[in-house]
């Protein structure tokens, strides 16, 4: 399952530089698939939408840091545990109960993002 940041976030920013996929953004900031990855061309999001990897997409959250689910691998392929959760001082980086994903799915995403 992907990690989410809850509304208990204090906007400290400790999580953002720890993400190996550049999946964490400050609230209100647009994001793109190419940022922090090696993907090129078009990319099909989990919603089924196809986007150019350079397209700036709408923020997932406006008020506090957020994680882009299409880029989150729970640090699989990089670390033993999600680094955002490891450094969060208020424990607001938690598994998303609405997005259960196997280790195989997460590792496949990691391989796709960093081919």
N, C-alpha and C. Protein backbone atom coordinates (compact mmCIF):
# COMPACT_ATOMS: atom_id res chain seq x y z
N UNK A 1 0.84 -1.18 0.00
CA UNK A 1 0.00 0.00 0.00
C UNK A 1 0.88 1.23 0.00
N UNK A 2 0.41 2.25 -0.62
CA UNK A 2 1.15 3.51 -0.66
C UNK A 2 1.05 4.18 0.71
N UNK A 3 1.91 5.13 0.92
CA UNK A 3 1.91 5.91 2.16
C UNK A 3 1.14 7.21 1.90
N UNK A 4 0.41 7.66 2.91
CA UNK A 4 -0.24 8.97 2.84
C UNK A 4 0.26 9.83 3.99
N UNK A 5 0.07 11.11 3.85
CA UNK A 5 0.38 12.06 4.92
C UNK A 5 -0.96 12.57 5.43
N UNK A 6 -1.18 12.42 6.72
CA UNK A 6 -2.47 12.83 7.29
C UNK A 6 -2.51 14.33 7.56
N UNK A 7 -3.69 14.81 7.90
CA UNK A 7 -3.86 16.23 8.17
C UNK A 7 -3.22 16.66 9.49
N UNK A 8 -2.57 15.72 10.18
CA UNK A 8 -1.82 16.07 11.38
C UNK A 8 -0.44 16.63 11.03
N UNK A 9 -0.12 16.67 9.73
CA UNK A 9 1.17 17.17 9.25
C UNK A 9 1.39 18.60 9.75
N UNK A 10 2.61 18.87 10.24
CA UNK A 10 2.95 20.20 10.73
C UNK A 10 3.77 20.99 9.70
N UNK A 11 3.86 20.46 8.48
CA UNK A 11 4.57 21.13 7.38
C UNK A 11 6.04 21.40 7.69
N UNK A 12 6.68 20.46 8.38
CA UNK A 12 8.10 20.65 8.72
C UNK A 12 9.01 20.39 7.53
N UNK A 13 8.55 19.56 6.58
CA UNK A 13 9.34 19.28 5.39
C UNK A 13 10.41 18.22 5.55
N UNK A 14 10.48 17.57 6.70
CA UNK A 14 11.52 16.55 6.93
C UNK A 14 11.40 15.38 5.96
N UNK A 15 10.22 15.06 5.54
CA UNK A 15 9.99 13.90 4.68
C UNK A 15 10.42 14.11 3.23
N UNK A 16 10.24 15.30 2.72
CA UNK A 16 10.44 15.56 1.29
C UNK A 16 11.82 15.14 0.77
N UNK A 17 12.92 15.55 1.39
CA UNK A 17 14.23 15.17 0.84
C UNK A 17 14.58 13.70 1.03
N UNK A 18 13.84 12.99 1.87
CA UNK A 18 14.13 11.58 2.14
C UNK A 18 13.56 10.64 1.08
N UNK A 19 12.61 11.12 0.28
CA UNK A 19 11.91 10.25 -0.68
C UNK A 19 12.78 9.98 -1.91
N UNK A 20 13.13 8.71 -2.16
CA UNK A 20 13.97 8.38 -3.32
C UNK A 20 13.25 8.52 -4.66
N UNK A 21 11.93 8.66 -4.62
CA UNK A 21 11.14 8.78 -5.85
C UNK A 21 10.67 10.20 -6.11
N UNK A 22 11.02 11.13 -5.23
CA UNK A 22 10.51 12.49 -5.30
C UNK A 22 8.98 12.48 -5.41
N UNK A 23 8.36 11.67 -4.55
CA UNK A 23 6.90 11.54 -4.55
C UNK A 23 6.24 12.48 -3.56
N UNK A 24 7.02 13.21 -2.77
CA UNK A 24 6.47 14.07 -1.73
C UNK A 24 6.62 15.53 -2.13
N UNK A 25 5.51 16.24 -2.00
CA UNK A 25 5.47 17.65 -2.40
C UNK A 25 4.83 18.48 -1.31
N UNK A 26 5.23 19.74 -1.24
CA UNK A 26 4.61 20.68 -0.33
C UNK A 26 3.18 20.95 -0.79
N UNK A 27 2.28 21.14 0.14
CA UNK A 27 0.89 21.41 -0.19
C UNK A 27 0.76 22.56 -1.18
N UNK A 28 -0.10 22.36 -2.17
CA UNK A 28 -0.37 23.39 -3.17
C UNK A 28 0.59 23.41 -4.34
N UNK A 29 1.64 22.61 -4.30
CA UNK A 29 2.64 22.59 -5.37
C UNK A 29 2.25 21.56 -6.43
N UNK A 30 2.29 21.96 -7.70
CA UNK A 30 2.04 21.02 -8.79
C UNK A 30 3.19 20.03 -8.87
N UNK A 31 2.93 18.87 -9.46
CA UNK A 31 3.94 17.82 -9.56
C UNK A 31 3.97 17.25 -10.97
N UNK A 32 5.07 16.55 -11.29
CA UNK A 32 5.22 15.90 -12.60
C UNK A 32 5.88 14.54 -12.40
N UNK A 33 5.52 13.58 -13.23
CA UNK A 33 6.09 12.23 -13.14
C UNK A 33 7.60 12.23 -13.34
N UNK A 34 8.13 13.11 -14.18
CA UNK A 34 9.56 13.09 -14.48
C UNK A 34 10.44 13.54 -13.33
N UNK A 35 9.88 14.24 -12.37
CA UNK A 35 10.67 14.78 -11.26
C UNK A 35 11.16 13.65 -10.36
N UNK A 36 12.47 13.47 -10.32
CA UNK A 36 13.07 12.45 -9.47
C UNK A 36 13.02 11.05 -10.02
N UNK A 37 12.62 10.91 -11.28
CA UNK A 37 12.55 9.59 -11.91
C UNK A 37 13.28 9.63 -13.25
N UNK A 38 13.33 8.49 -13.91
CA UNK A 38 13.95 8.44 -15.24
C UNK A 38 12.93 8.18 -16.33
N UNK A 39 11.63 8.26 -16.00
CA UNK A 39 10.59 8.00 -17.01
C UNK A 39 10.61 9.08 -18.09
N UNK A 40 10.28 8.68 -19.30
CA UNK A 40 10.22 9.60 -20.43
C UNK A 40 8.94 9.36 -21.21
N UNK A 41 8.58 10.31 -22.04
CA UNK A 41 7.42 10.14 -22.91
C UNK A 41 6.12 10.32 -22.18
N UNK A 42 5.20 9.39 -22.39
CA UNK A 42 3.90 9.42 -21.73
C UNK A 42 3.87 8.39 -20.62
N UNK A 43 3.01 8.61 -19.65
CA UNK A 43 2.89 7.72 -18.49
C UNK A 43 1.41 7.56 -18.19
N UNK A 44 0.98 6.34 -17.95
CA UNK A 44 -0.41 6.09 -17.60
C UNK A 44 -0.53 6.04 -16.09
N UNK A 45 -1.32 6.96 -15.55
CA UNK A 45 -1.54 7.04 -14.11
C UNK A 45 -2.48 5.93 -13.66
N UNK A 46 -2.56 5.70 -12.36
CA UNK A 46 -3.47 4.70 -11.81
C UNK A 46 -4.92 4.95 -12.19
N UNK A 47 -5.26 6.18 -12.46
CA UNK A 47 -6.63 6.52 -12.84
C UNK A 47 -6.94 6.11 -14.27
N UNK A 48 -5.90 5.73 -15.01
CA UNK A 48 -6.07 5.38 -16.43
C UNK A 48 -5.74 6.53 -17.36
N UNK A 49 -5.57 7.73 -16.80
CA UNK A 49 -5.23 8.90 -17.62
C UNK A 49 -3.79 8.79 -18.10
N UNK A 50 -3.57 9.15 -19.35
CA UNK A 50 -2.23 9.18 -19.91
C UNK A 50 -1.76 10.63 -19.93
N UNK A 51 -0.56 10.86 -19.38
CA UNK A 51 -0.01 12.22 -19.31
C UNK A 51 1.41 12.21 -19.82
N UNK A 52 1.86 13.35 -20.31
CA UNK A 52 3.27 13.52 -20.61
C UNK A 52 3.99 13.58 -19.27
N UNK A 53 5.15 12.96 -19.16
CA UNK A 53 5.85 12.95 -17.88
C UNK A 53 6.26 14.35 -17.43
N UNK A 54 6.27 15.30 -18.34
CA UNK A 54 6.62 16.67 -17.98
C UNK A 54 5.41 17.52 -17.63
N UNK A 55 4.20 17.00 -17.83
CA UNK A 55 2.99 17.75 -17.48
C UNK A 55 2.98 18.08 -16.00
N UNK A 56 2.65 19.31 -15.68
CA UNK A 56 2.45 19.72 -14.30
C UNK A 56 1.01 19.37 -13.92
N UNK A 57 0.87 18.55 -12.89
CA UNK A 57 -0.44 18.07 -12.47
C UNK A 57 -0.88 18.72 -11.17
N UNK A 58 -2.17 18.71 -10.94
CA UNK A 58 -2.77 19.36 -9.78
C UNK A 58 -2.24 18.76 -8.47
N UNK A 59 -2.06 19.59 -7.47
CA UNK A 59 -1.63 19.07 -6.17
C UNK A 59 -2.67 18.09 -5.61
N UNK A 60 -2.19 17.09 -4.90
CA UNK A 60 -3.08 16.15 -4.23
C UNK A 60 -3.71 16.80 -3.01
N UNK A 61 -2.98 17.71 -2.40
CA UNK A 61 -3.41 18.41 -1.19
C UNK A 61 -2.94 19.86 -1.25
N UNK A 62 -3.73 20.76 -0.73
CA UNK A 62 -3.36 22.18 -0.77
C UNK A 62 -2.75 22.69 0.53
N UNK A 63 -3.10 22.08 1.65
CA UNK A 63 -2.75 22.67 2.94
C UNK A 63 -1.53 22.07 3.63
N UNK A 64 -1.13 20.87 3.26
CA UNK A 64 0.03 20.25 3.90
C UNK A 64 0.71 19.32 2.90
N UNK A 65 1.90 18.84 3.25
CA UNK A 65 2.67 17.97 2.36
C UNK A 65 1.83 16.77 1.95
N UNK A 66 2.08 16.27 0.75
CA UNK A 66 1.34 15.12 0.25
C UNK A 66 2.27 14.20 -0.52
N UNK A 67 1.81 12.96 -0.70
CA UNK A 67 2.56 11.94 -1.45
C UNK A 67 1.76 11.59 -2.69
N UNK A 68 2.41 11.60 -3.84
CA UNK A 68 1.78 11.21 -5.10
C UNK A 68 1.75 9.68 -5.14
N UNK A 69 0.58 9.07 -5.11
CA UNK A 69 0.50 7.61 -5.07
C UNK A 69 1.16 6.93 -6.28
N UNK A 70 1.09 7.56 -7.44
CA UNK A 70 1.69 6.98 -8.65
C UNK A 70 3.21 6.92 -8.58
N UNK A 71 3.81 7.63 -7.62
CA UNK A 71 5.26 7.64 -7.49
C UNK A 71 5.75 6.95 -6.21
N UNK A 72 4.84 6.63 -5.30
CA UNK A 72 5.23 6.04 -4.03
C UNK A 72 5.47 4.53 -4.18
N UNK A 73 6.62 4.09 -3.69
CA UNK A 73 6.95 2.67 -3.68
C UNK A 73 7.20 2.18 -2.25
N UNK A 74 6.84 2.99 -1.27
CA UNK A 74 7.14 2.69 0.13
C UNK A 74 8.63 2.45 0.32
N UNK A 75 9.41 3.04 -0.54
CA UNK A 75 10.89 2.93 -0.54
C UNK A 75 11.38 1.53 -0.90
N UNK A 76 10.49 0.66 -1.39
CA UNK A 76 10.91 -0.68 -1.83
C UNK A 76 11.95 -0.52 -2.94
N UNK A 77 12.99 -1.33 -2.87
CA UNK A 77 14.07 -1.24 -3.83
C UNK A 77 15.14 -0.25 -3.43
N UNK A 78 14.89 0.51 -2.37
CA UNK A 78 15.85 1.49 -1.88
C UNK A 78 16.20 1.26 -0.40
N UNK A 79 15.17 1.12 0.42
CA UNK A 79 15.35 1.04 1.88
C UNK A 79 14.45 -0.06 2.46
N UNK A 80 14.71 -0.43 3.68
CA UNK A 80 13.93 -1.46 4.37
C UNK A 80 12.56 -0.95 4.84
N UNK A 81 12.45 0.37 5.05
CA UNK A 81 11.20 0.95 5.53
C UNK A 81 10.98 2.30 4.85
N UNK A 82 9.73 2.77 4.80
CA UNK A 82 9.47 4.08 4.22
C UNK A 82 10.22 5.17 4.99
N UNK A 83 11.04 5.91 4.27
CA UNK A 83 11.87 6.92 4.92
C UNK A 83 11.07 8.10 5.41
N UNK A 84 9.98 8.43 4.76
CA UNK A 84 9.14 9.55 5.23
C UNK A 84 8.62 9.26 6.63
N UNK A 85 8.15 8.02 6.84
CA UNK A 85 7.63 7.63 8.16
C UNK A 85 8.74 7.61 9.19
N UNK A 86 9.93 7.20 8.78
CA UNK A 86 11.06 7.11 9.71
C UNK A 86 11.48 8.47 10.25
N UNK A 87 11.35 9.53 9.44
CA UNK A 87 11.81 10.85 9.87
C UNK A 87 10.69 11.78 10.36
N UNK A 88 9.45 11.39 10.17
CA UNK A 88 8.33 12.27 10.54
C UNK A 88 8.24 12.44 12.06
N UNK A 89 8.34 13.69 12.55
CA UNK A 89 8.32 13.91 14.00
C UNK A 89 6.94 13.75 14.63
N UNK A 90 5.88 13.74 13.81
CA UNK A 90 4.53 13.61 14.38
C UNK A 90 3.81 12.35 13.90
N UNK A 91 4.54 11.45 13.28
CA UNK A 91 4.00 10.16 12.84
C UNK A 91 2.75 10.29 11.97
N UNK A 92 2.80 11.22 11.00
CA UNK A 92 1.64 11.40 10.12
C UNK A 92 1.84 10.77 8.75
N UNK A 93 2.96 10.10 8.51
CA UNK A 93 3.18 9.35 7.28
C UNK A 93 2.81 7.90 7.57
N UNK A 94 1.64 7.50 7.08
CA UNK A 94 1.08 6.20 7.45
C UNK A 94 0.62 5.45 6.20
N UNK A 95 0.49 4.12 6.30
CA UNK A 95 -0.04 3.35 5.17
C UNK A 95 -1.46 3.81 4.82
N UNK A 96 -1.72 3.88 3.52
CA UNK A 96 -3.05 4.27 3.03
C UNK A 96 -3.96 3.04 3.05
N UNK A 97 -4.96 3.00 3.92
CA UNK A 97 -5.83 1.83 4.00
C UNK A 97 -6.66 1.61 2.73
N UNK A 98 -6.78 2.64 1.90
CA UNK A 98 -7.56 2.53 0.67
C UNK A 98 -6.72 2.09 -0.53
N UNK A 99 -5.42 1.85 -0.31
CA UNK A 99 -4.54 1.52 -1.43
C UNK A 99 -3.58 0.41 -1.01
N UNK A 100 -4.09 -0.81 -0.94
CA UNK A 100 -3.25 -1.94 -0.58
C UNK A 100 -2.54 -2.45 -1.81
N UNK A 101 -1.21 -2.51 -1.74
CA UNK A 101 -0.40 -2.97 -2.86
C UNK A 101 0.63 -3.97 -2.35
N UNK A 102 0.86 -5.00 -3.14
CA UNK A 102 1.83 -6.01 -2.75
C UNK A 102 3.25 -5.50 -2.96
N UNK A 103 4.20 -6.19 -2.36
CA UNK A 103 5.60 -5.83 -2.55
C UNK A 103 5.98 -5.94 -4.02
N UNK A 104 5.43 -6.94 -4.72
CA UNK A 104 5.72 -7.09 -6.15
C UNK A 104 5.25 -5.89 -6.95
N UNK A 105 4.08 -5.36 -6.63
CA UNK A 105 3.56 -4.17 -7.32
C UNK A 105 4.45 -2.97 -7.04
N UNK A 106 4.86 -2.81 -5.80
CA UNK A 106 5.71 -1.68 -5.43
C UNK A 106 7.08 -1.77 -6.09
N UNK A 107 7.65 -2.98 -6.14
CA UNK A 107 8.95 -3.15 -6.79
C UNK A 107 8.85 -2.94 -8.30
N UNK A 108 7.74 -3.35 -8.90
CA UNK A 108 7.53 -3.11 -10.33
C UNK A 108 7.43 -1.61 -10.61
N UNK A 109 6.76 -0.87 -9.74
CA UNK A 109 6.66 0.58 -9.91
C UNK A 109 8.05 1.21 -9.77
N UNK A 110 8.81 0.75 -8.80
CA UNK A 110 10.16 1.27 -8.59
C UNK A 110 11.01 1.04 -9.84
N UNK A 111 10.90 -0.14 -10.42
CA UNK A 111 11.67 -0.45 -11.63
C UNK A 111 11.23 0.42 -12.80
N UNK A 112 9.95 0.68 -12.90
CA UNK A 112 9.42 1.51 -13.99
C UNK A 112 9.86 2.97 -13.83
N UNK A 113 9.87 3.45 -12.59
CA UNK A 113 10.23 4.84 -12.35
C UNK A 113 11.73 5.09 -12.50
N UNK A 114 12.53 4.03 -12.33
CA UNK A 114 13.99 4.19 -12.34
C UNK A 114 14.65 3.18 -13.27
N UNK A 115 14.15 3.11 -14.49
CA UNK A 115 14.69 2.14 -15.45
C UNK A 115 16.11 2.47 -15.85
